[in-house]
């Protein structure tokens, strides 16, 4: 199960040293927006495994799911054999017309993280940290641009001397961590698929 929105936001605040609820530097809505933006920024590097049912009425092609990046498998629900298929741009193309109830398995974009503190991230538990890295980087970027917020941060959260350049370096560091983590937590199945695609750039067939 994924981390809750509240837990993710709390983790971000701890890293930012912004835990005084009486005087938050970043409002909840700002951090939530950065978490949501981070989730949208995962694709096409870190993808979600998904499937969808379709009816093929004697067609030789059909549109891919709108959130699909890679189609992994297409099969008939009744177990019958299908002609070869190919992942071709926005379509799945069959060598012969197909009349069957199908299931399409694919890797694609992540769904929207529902609002509410108790709502759980659609990511797997070992992937949750990635969007927090993104949110932390965005908070530091905002801090480097907002002089009023920077003044508050330097006096409340960081009583020792801190310069804009320090904040920019922190933003760079967390952004690099996000980019590395986005690749590191790809699922074994996604890694196998990408390895196979590198060996067969012409498409997949079942």
Protein backbone atom coordinates (compact mmCIF):
# COMPACT_ATOMS: atom_id res chain seq x y z
CA UNK A 1 0.00 0.00 0.00
CA UNK A 2 1.19 3.51 -0.80
CA UNK A 3 2.05 6.26 1.61
CA UNK A 4 -0.76 8.61 2.63
CA UNK A 5 -0.77 12.20 1.45
CA UNK A 6 -0.36 13.37 5.05
CA UNK A 7 2.66 11.12 5.63
CA UNK A 8 4.30 12.25 2.38
CA UNK A 9 3.71 15.91 3.20
CA UNK A 10 5.10 15.40 6.72
CA UNK A 11 8.22 13.77 5.28
CA UNK A 12 8.74 16.77 3.01
CA UNK A 13 8.32 19.18 5.93
CA UNK A 14 10.86 17.28 8.04
CA UNK A 15 13.47 17.55 5.29
CA UNK A 16 12.70 21.25 4.87
CA UNK A 17 12.76 21.87 8.63
CA UNK A 18 9.27 23.34 8.28
CA UNK A 19 7.48 21.51 11.09
CA UNK A 20 6.10 24.39 13.17
CA UNK A 21 2.38 24.08 12.46
CA UNK A 22 1.77 27.52 13.95
CA UNK A 23 3.97 29.18 11.34
CA UNK A 24 4.42 26.97 8.28
CA UNK A 25 6.56 28.47 5.53
CA UNK A 26 4.89 26.30 2.89
CA UNK A 27 1.12 25.84 3.17
CA UNK A 28 -0.26 22.34 2.83
CA UNK A 29 -1.77 23.18 -0.55
CA UNK A 30 1.64 24.11 -1.99
CA UNK A 31 3.32 20.89 -0.91
CA UNK A 32 0.34 18.84 -2.09
CA UNK A 33 0.57 20.53 -5.50
CA UNK A 34 4.28 19.66 -5.73
CA UNK A 35 3.57 16.03 -4.77
CA UNK A 36 0.93 15.82 -7.50
CA UNK A 37 3.31 17.42 -10.00
CA UNK A 38 6.00 14.93 -9.03
CA UNK A 39 3.63 12.02 -9.69
CA UNK A 40 2.88 13.39 -13.17
CA UNK A 41 6.62 13.77 -13.81
CA UNK A 42 7.41 10.07 -13.31
CA UNK A 43 6.41 8.94 -16.81
CA UNK A 44 7.87 7.95 -19.19
CA UNK A 45 10.77 6.85 -16.96
CA UNK A 46 8.92 5.22 -14.06
CA UNK A 47 5.68 3.62 -15.26
CA UNK A 48 2.61 1.97 -13.79
CA UNK A 49 1.57 -1.56 -14.70
CA UNK A 50 -2.07 -1.68 -15.77
CA UNK A 51 -4.60 -3.56 -17.93
CA UNK A 52 -7.86 -2.80 -19.70
CA UNK A 53 -10.59 -4.87 -21.38
CA UNK A 54 -11.62 -4.14 -24.98
CA UNK A 55 -14.06 -5.55 -27.51
CA UNK A 56 -12.62 -6.13 -30.99
CA UNK A 57 -15.36 -6.28 -33.62
CA UNK A 58 -13.58 -7.71 -36.66
CA UNK A 59 -10.97 -4.95 -36.66
CA UNK A 60 -7.32 -4.96 -37.69
CA UNK A 61 -6.36 -2.10 -35.36
CA UNK A 62 -7.55 -0.39 -32.19
CA UNK A 63 -6.49 2.63 -30.17
CA UNK A 64 -4.10 2.07 -27.29
CA UNK A 65 -5.25 3.14 -23.81
CA UNK A 66 -4.72 6.90 -23.58
CA UNK A 67 -2.31 6.54 -20.65
CA UNK A 68 -0.28 3.72 -22.22
CA UNK A 69 3.43 4.11 -22.95
CA UNK A 70 4.36 0.46 -23.65
CA UNK A 71 1.95 -2.35 -24.50
CA UNK A 72 3.20 -5.59 -22.94
CA UNK A 73 0.63 -8.19 -23.94
CA UNK A 74 -2.67 -8.56 -25.79
CA UNK A 75 -4.70 -11.72 -25.38
CA UNK A 76 -8.19 -13.07 -25.99
CA UNK A 77 -10.19 -13.56 -22.82
CA UNK A 78 -11.52 -16.91 -24.05
CA UNK A 79 -7.98 -18.21 -24.59
CA UNK A 80 -8.22 -18.31 -28.38
CA UNK A 81 -5.10 -17.59 -30.42
CA UNK A 82 -4.70 -14.08 -31.82
CA UNK A 83 -2.82 -13.04 -34.95
CA UNK A 84 0.46 -11.24 -34.39
CA UNK A 85 0.05 -7.70 -33.09
CA UNK A 86 2.27 -4.65 -33.09
CA UNK A 87 2.50 -1.59 -30.83
CA UNK A 88 2.39 1.12 -33.49
CA UNK A 89 2.27 4.71 -32.27
CA UNK A 90 -1.18 5.34 -30.79
CA UNK A 91 -2.59 2.06 -32.13
CA UNK A 92 -2.35 -1.68 -31.69
CA UNK A 93 -2.30 -3.27 -35.15
CA UNK A 94 -3.11 -6.90 -35.92
CA UNK A 95 -1.88 -8.86 -38.93
CA UNK A 96 -5.47 -10.06 -39.48
CA UNK A 97 -8.89 -8.77 -38.37
CA UNK A 98 -9.82 -9.78 -34.81
CA UNK A 99 -13.25 -10.54 -33.38
CA UNK A 100 -12.90 -11.20 -29.66
CA UNK A 101 -13.01 -9.82 -26.13
CA UNK A 102 -9.45 -8.74 -25.41
CA UNK A 103 -7.31 -7.73 -22.47
CA UNK A 104 -4.48 -5.27 -23.02
CA UNK A 105 -1.67 -5.29 -20.48
CA UNK A 106 0.56 -2.23 -20.56
CA UNK A 107 2.82 0.18 -18.72
CA UNK A 108 1.60 3.75 -18.60
CA UNK A 109 1.23 6.99 -16.74
CA UNK A 110 0.20 7.25 -13.11
CA UNK A 111 -3.36 8.11 -12.05
CA UNK A 112 -4.17 11.27 -10.12
CA UNK A 113 -3.47 11.08 -6.40
CA UNK A 114 -6.85 11.57 -4.73
CA UNK A 115 -7.31 14.58 -2.45
CA UNK A 116 -7.50 14.16 1.33
CA UNK A 117 -4.86 13.49 3.95
CA UNK A 118 -5.79 9.80 4.23
CA UNK A 119 -5.64 9.12 0.49
CA UNK A 120 -2.86 6.72 -0.50
CA UNK A 121 -0.29 7.21 -3.21
CA UNK A 122 -0.79 4.98 -6.28
CA UNK A 123 2.92 4.15 -6.09
CA UNK A 124 4.26 1.00 -4.49
CA UNK A 125 5.74 1.38 -1.03
CA UNK A 126 9.35 1.23 -2.24
CA UNK A 127 8.62 3.95 -4.84
CA UNK A 128 6.90 6.49 -2.58
CA UNK A 129 10.01 8.46 -1.75
CA UNK A 130 10.46 9.61 -5.34
CA UNK A 131 7.64 12.18 -5.33
CA UNK A 132 8.82 13.50 -1.96
CA UNK A 133 12.25 14.20 -3.49
CA UNK A 134 10.54 16.12 -6.26
CA UNK A 135 8.44 18.17 -3.84
CA UNK A 136 11.48 19.06 -1.72
CA UNK A 137 13.38 20.24 -4.80
CA UNK A 138 10.43 22.37 -5.91
CA UNK A 139 10.09 23.94 -2.47
CA UNK A 140 13.76 24.94 -2.52
CA UNK A 141 13.40 26.33 -6.05
CA UNK A 142 10.48 28.44 -4.90
CA UNK A 143 12.45 29.58 -1.86
CA UNK A 144 15.35 30.75 -4.03
CA UNK A 145 12.97 32.90 -6.09
CA UNK A 146 10.77 34.29 -3.31
CA UNK A 147 12.70 36.85 -1.27
CA UNK A 148 9.96 37.23 1.34
CA UNK A 149 9.74 33.50 1.91
CA UNK A 150 13.54 33.22 1.94
CA UNK A 151 13.77 35.86 4.67
CA UNK A 152 11.27 33.94 6.80
CA UNK A 153 13.11 30.68 6.17
CA UNK A 154 16.52 32.12 7.04
CA UNK A 155 15.28 33.51 10.36
CA UNK A 156 12.82 30.80 11.46
CA UNK A 157 13.98 27.52 10.01
CA UNK A 158 17.66 28.32 9.62
CA UNK A 159 18.92 30.64 12.35
CA UNK A 160 22.50 30.16 11.13
CA UNK A 161 23.74 32.08 8.12
CA UNK A 162 22.18 30.83 4.85
CA UNK A 163 22.50 32.32 1.37
CA UNK A 164 20.40 32.06 -1.77
CA UNK A 165 23.25 30.10 -3.36
CA UNK A 166 22.93 27.50 -0.59
CA UNK A 167 19.24 27.07 -1.38
CA UNK A 168 19.94 26.71 -5.10
CA UNK A 169 22.50 23.99 -4.35
CA UNK A 170 19.96 22.17 -2.19
CA UNK A 171 17.38 22.39 -4.97
CA UNK A 172 19.90 20.98 -7.45
CA UNK A 173 20.82 18.15 -5.09
CA UNK A 174 17.22 17.08 -4.46
CA UNK A 175 16.36 17.32 -8.15
CA UNK A 176 19.28 15.03 -8.97
CA UNK A 177 18.11 12.63 -6.27
CA UNK A 178 14.64 12.63 -7.85
CA UNK A 179 16.02 11.85 -11.31
CA UNK A 180 18.21 9.03 -10.00
CA UNK A 181 15.49 7.55 -7.82
CA UNK A 182 12.94 7.68 -10.66
CA UNK A 183 15.15 5.27 -12.57
CA UNK A 184 16.28 3.18 -9.60
CA UNK A 185 12.79 2.12 -8.45
CA UNK A 186 11.50 0.85 -11.80
CA UNK A 187 9.92 -2.56 -11.38
CA UNK A 188 11.80 -5.69 -12.55
CA UNK A 189 9.06 -6.27 -15.12
CA UNK A 190 9.50 -2.80 -16.60
CA UNK A 191 13.27 -3.25 -16.75
CA UNK A 192 12.86 -6.58 -18.57
CA UNK A 193 10.45 -4.98 -21.04
CA UNK A 194 12.83 -2.12 -21.77
CA UNK A 195 15.70 -4.56 -22.26
CA UNK A 196 13.59 -6.57 -24.72
CA UNK A 197 12.56 -3.41 -26.60
CA UNK A 198 16.19 -2.42 -27.02
CA UNK A 199 16.70 -5.78 -28.72
CA UNK A 200 13.56 -5.53 -30.88
CA UNK A 201 12.83 -1.95 -31.89
CA UNK A 202 10.23 -3.10 -34.41
CA UNK A 203 7.54 -3.71 -31.77
CA UNK A 204 6.03 -6.50 -29.71
CA UNK A 205 4.06 -9.49 -30.86
CA UNK A 206 2.09 -12.09 -28.96
